[in-house]
Every structure is written in structure tokens, then in C-alpha cells.
């Protein structure tokens, strides 16, 4: 694994951490119950889905980078 690859893996892991933090914040906003229903649904149906898909993509990227160097 090259130093450039290690840097890209670190960057991707940092982004995963940020996405996970965003999911936590959004989950807490939903749990508080003060959002309008349409906003609650938008968060659940769109925003959380986007963050989870990004995490999945980044995890695959990291696995490929580690495997293929």
C-alpha cells in the first residue's frame, strides 16, 4: 500500500465518521418530535438514505484500496 493510498483511506474513514455523526444528529432530531411531519419524512426517506449509501460506498472503497493497494 502506498502512502497516497493510506492518505485516501484515512480521508474516506474521516468522511465515514462525519456521515455517522450526521446520522446520529438526524436521528436525535427525529426522536425529539419537534419537526413537521413532512420534514421528518424527508429526513427518514432522503437524507438518512443518502448518508447510509455514502457510508456503504466509502466502506467498499476502503476495502478495495486495501485489497488492491
N, C-alpha and C. Protein backbone atom coordinates (compact mmCIF):
# COMPACT_ATOMS: atom_id res chain seq x y z
N UNK A 1 0.84 -1.17 0.00
CA UNK A 1 0.00 0.00 0.00
C UNK A 1 0.90 1.24 0.00
N UNK A 2 0.61 2.16 -0.88
CA UNK A 2 1.44 3.36 -0.99
C UNK A 2 0.98 4.43 0.02
N UNK A 3 1.85 5.38 0.30
CA UNK A 3 1.45 6.47 1.20
C UNK A 3 0.22 7.22 0.69
N UNK A 4 0.10 7.37 -0.63
CA UNK A 4 -1.07 8.03 -1.20
C UNK A 4 -2.34 7.27 -0.93
N UNK A 5 -2.25 5.94 -1.02
CA UNK A 5 -3.40 5.09 -0.74
C UNK A 5 -3.79 5.20 0.73
N UNK A 6 -2.80 5.20 1.61
CA UNK A 6 -3.09 5.34 3.04
C UNK A 6 -3.79 6.66 3.33
N UNK A 7 -3.35 7.71 2.66
CA UNK A 7 -3.98 9.01 2.84
C UNK A 7 -5.42 9.03 2.37
N UNK A 8 -5.67 8.36 1.25
CA UNK A 8 -7.04 8.29 0.72
C UNK A 8 -7.94 7.47 1.64
N UNK A 9 -7.38 6.40 2.19
CA UNK A 9 -8.15 5.58 3.14
C UNK A 9 -8.48 6.40 4.39
N UNK A 10 -7.52 7.14 4.89
CA UNK A 10 -7.76 7.99 6.06
C UNK A 10 -8.83 9.03 5.76
N UNK A 11 -8.75 9.64 4.60
CA UNK A 11 -9.75 10.64 4.19
C UNK A 11 -11.14 10.01 4.11
N UNK A 12 -11.22 8.82 3.53
CA UNK A 12 -12.50 8.13 3.41
C UNK A 12 -13.04 7.75 4.78
N UNK A 13 -12.17 7.30 5.68
CA UNK A 13 -12.61 6.95 7.03
C UNK A 13 -13.11 8.17 7.78
N UNK A 14 -12.45 9.30 7.60
CA UNK A 14 -12.91 10.54 8.23
C UNK A 14 -14.29 10.93 7.71
N UNK A 15 -14.51 10.74 6.43
CA UNK A 15 -15.82 11.05 5.86
C UNK A 15 -16.88 10.11 6.41
N UNK A 16 -16.54 8.83 6.58
CA UNK A 16 -17.47 7.87 7.19
C UNK A 16 -17.83 8.35 8.60
N UNK A 17 -16.83 8.76 9.36
CA UNK A 17 -17.08 9.25 10.72
C UNK A 17 -18.02 10.45 10.71
N UNK A 18 -17.82 11.36 9.75
CA UNK A 18 -18.68 12.53 9.63
C UNK A 18 -20.11 12.13 9.28
N UNK A 19 -20.24 11.18 8.36
CA UNK A 19 -21.57 10.71 7.97
C UNK A 19 -22.29 10.05 9.14
N UNK A 20 -21.55 9.28 9.91
CA UNK A 20 -22.15 8.61 11.07
C UNK A 20 -22.60 9.64 12.11
N UNK A 21 -21.82 10.68 12.28
CA UNK A 21 -22.20 11.75 13.21
C UNK A 21 -23.46 12.46 12.71
N UNK A 22 -23.53 12.70 11.41
CA UNK A 22 -24.72 13.33 10.83
C UNK A 22 -25.95 12.46 11.06
N UNK A 23 -25.81 11.16 10.89
CA UNK A 23 -26.92 10.24 11.12
C UNK A 23 -27.38 10.33 12.58
N UNK A 24 -26.44 10.38 13.49
CA UNK A 24 -26.78 10.50 14.91
C UNK A 24 -27.57 11.79 15.18
N UNK A 25 -27.09 12.89 14.63
CA UNK A 25 -27.77 14.17 14.81
C UNK A 25 -29.18 14.13 14.24
N UNK A 26 -29.31 13.57 13.04
CA UNK A 26 -30.63 13.49 12.41
C UNK A 26 -31.57 12.57 13.18
N UNK A 27 -31.05 11.43 13.63
CA UNK A 27 -31.86 10.52 14.45
C UNK A 27 -32.35 11.21 15.71
N UNK A 28 -31.49 12.01 16.34
CA UNK A 28 -31.88 12.73 17.54
C UNK A 28 -32.96 13.78 17.24
N UNK A 29 -32.84 14.44 16.10
CA UNK A 29 -33.86 15.42 15.72
C UNK A 29 -35.21 14.74 15.51
N UNK A 30 -35.19 13.58 14.89
CA UNK A 30 -36.44 12.82 14.69
C UNK A 30 -37.01 12.39 16.03
N UNK A 31 -36.17 11.91 16.91
CA UNK A 31 -36.61 11.42 18.21
C UNK A 31 -37.22 12.52 19.08
N UNK A 32 -36.76 13.74 18.91
CA UNK A 32 -37.28 14.86 19.71
C UNK A 32 -38.74 15.16 19.38
N UNK A 33 -39.16 14.88 18.18
CA UNK A 33 -40.56 15.04 17.81
C UNK A 33 -41.00 16.46 17.55
N UNK A 34 -40.09 17.41 17.41
CA UNK A 34 -40.49 18.79 17.18
C UNK A 34 -40.50 19.18 15.71
N UNK A 35 -40.12 18.28 14.82
CA UNK A 35 -40.11 18.57 13.39
C UNK A 35 -41.51 18.42 12.80
N UNK A 36 -41.78 19.18 11.76
CA UNK A 36 -43.00 18.95 10.99
C UNK A 36 -42.95 17.55 10.41
N UNK A 37 -44.10 16.92 10.26
CA UNK A 37 -44.14 15.55 9.73
C UNK A 37 -43.45 15.44 8.38
N UNK A 38 -43.67 16.40 7.49
CA UNK A 38 -43.05 16.32 6.16
C UNK A 38 -41.53 16.42 6.24
N UNK A 39 -41.02 17.19 7.20
CA UNK A 39 -39.57 17.27 7.37
C UNK A 39 -39.02 15.98 7.95
N UNK A 40 -39.76 15.43 8.88
CA UNK A 40 -39.39 14.15 9.48
C UNK A 40 -39.30 13.07 8.40
N UNK A 41 -40.30 13.04 7.52
CA UNK A 41 -40.31 12.06 6.43
C UNK A 41 -39.16 12.30 5.45
N UNK A 42 -38.88 13.56 5.17
CA UNK A 42 -37.77 13.88 4.26
C UNK A 42 -36.45 13.39 4.83
N UNK A 43 -36.27 13.60 6.12
CA UNK A 43 -35.04 13.12 6.76
C UNK A 43 -34.95 11.61 6.67
N UNK A 44 -36.04 10.94 6.99
CA UNK A 44 -36.03 9.48 7.01
C UNK A 44 -35.89 8.89 5.61
N UNK A 45 -36.60 9.46 4.64
CA UNK A 45 -36.65 8.87 3.30
C UNK A 45 -35.53 9.31 2.39
N UNK A 46 -34.96 10.48 2.64
CA UNK A 46 -33.95 11.00 1.73
C UNK A 46 -32.60 11.17 2.41
N UNK A 47 -32.55 11.99 3.42
CA UNK A 47 -31.27 12.37 4.00
C UNK A 47 -30.55 11.18 4.61
N UNK A 48 -31.24 10.44 5.46
CA UNK A 48 -30.59 9.28 6.10
C UNK A 48 -30.16 8.26 5.06
N UNK A 49 -31.00 8.05 4.06
CA UNK A 49 -30.66 7.12 2.98
C UNK A 49 -29.38 7.56 2.27
N UNK A 50 -29.28 8.86 1.98
CA UNK A 50 -28.08 9.38 1.32
C UNK A 50 -26.83 9.14 2.15
N UNK A 51 -26.90 9.41 3.45
CA UNK A 51 -25.74 9.21 4.31
C UNK A 51 -25.37 7.73 4.41
N UNK A 52 -26.36 6.87 4.53
CA UNK A 52 -26.08 5.42 4.62
C UNK A 52 -25.48 4.89 3.32
N UNK A 53 -25.99 5.37 2.18
CA UNK A 53 -25.42 4.95 0.90
C UNK A 53 -23.98 5.43 0.76
N UNK A 54 -23.70 6.64 1.21
CA UNK A 54 -22.34 7.17 1.14
C UNK A 54 -21.40 6.35 2.01
N UNK A 55 -21.86 5.98 3.21
CA UNK A 55 -21.05 5.14 4.09
C UNK A 55 -20.75 3.81 3.42
N UNK A 56 -21.76 3.21 2.82
CA UNK A 56 -21.57 1.92 2.14
C UNK A 56 -20.55 2.06 1.00
N UNK A 57 -20.68 3.11 0.21
CA UNK A 57 -19.73 3.35 -0.88
C UNK A 57 -18.31 3.51 -0.35
N UNK A 58 -18.15 4.31 0.69
CA UNK A 58 -16.82 4.56 1.24
C UNK A 58 -16.21 3.30 1.85
N UNK A 59 -17.02 2.49 2.49
CA UNK A 59 -16.51 1.23 3.03
C UNK A 59 -16.02 0.32 1.91
N UNK A 60 -16.76 0.26 0.83
CA UNK A 60 -16.33 -0.54 -0.32
C UNK A 60 -15.04 0.02 -0.91
N UNK A 61 -14.96 1.35 -0.98
CA UNK A 61 -13.76 1.99 -1.49
C UNK A 61 -12.54 1.62 -0.63
N UNK A 62 -12.70 1.68 0.68
CA UNK A 62 -11.61 1.34 1.59
C UNK A 62 -11.22 -0.12 1.43
N UNK A 63 -12.21 -1.02 1.34
CA UNK A 63 -11.90 -2.44 1.16
C UNK A 63 -11.13 -2.67 -0.14
N UNK A 64 -11.55 -2.02 -1.21
CA UNK A 64 -10.86 -2.16 -2.49
C UNK A 64 -9.45 -1.59 -2.43
N UNK A 65 -9.30 -0.45 -1.77
CA UNK A 65 -7.99 0.18 -1.66
C UNK A 65 -7.03 -0.72 -0.86
N UNK A 66 -7.54 -1.35 0.18
CA UNK A 66 -6.69 -2.22 0.97
C UNK A 66 -6.33 -3.50 0.21
N UNK A 67 -7.28 -3.99 -0.57
CA UNK A 67 -7.06 -5.21 -1.32
C UNK A 67 -6.14 -4.99 -2.52
N UNK A 68 -6.37 -3.90 -3.24
CA UNK A 68 -5.66 -3.65 -4.49
C UNK A 68 -4.52 -2.64 -4.36
N UNK A 69 -4.37 -2.11 -3.16
CA UNK A 69 -3.26 -1.23 -2.88
C UNK A 69 -3.35 0.11 -3.48
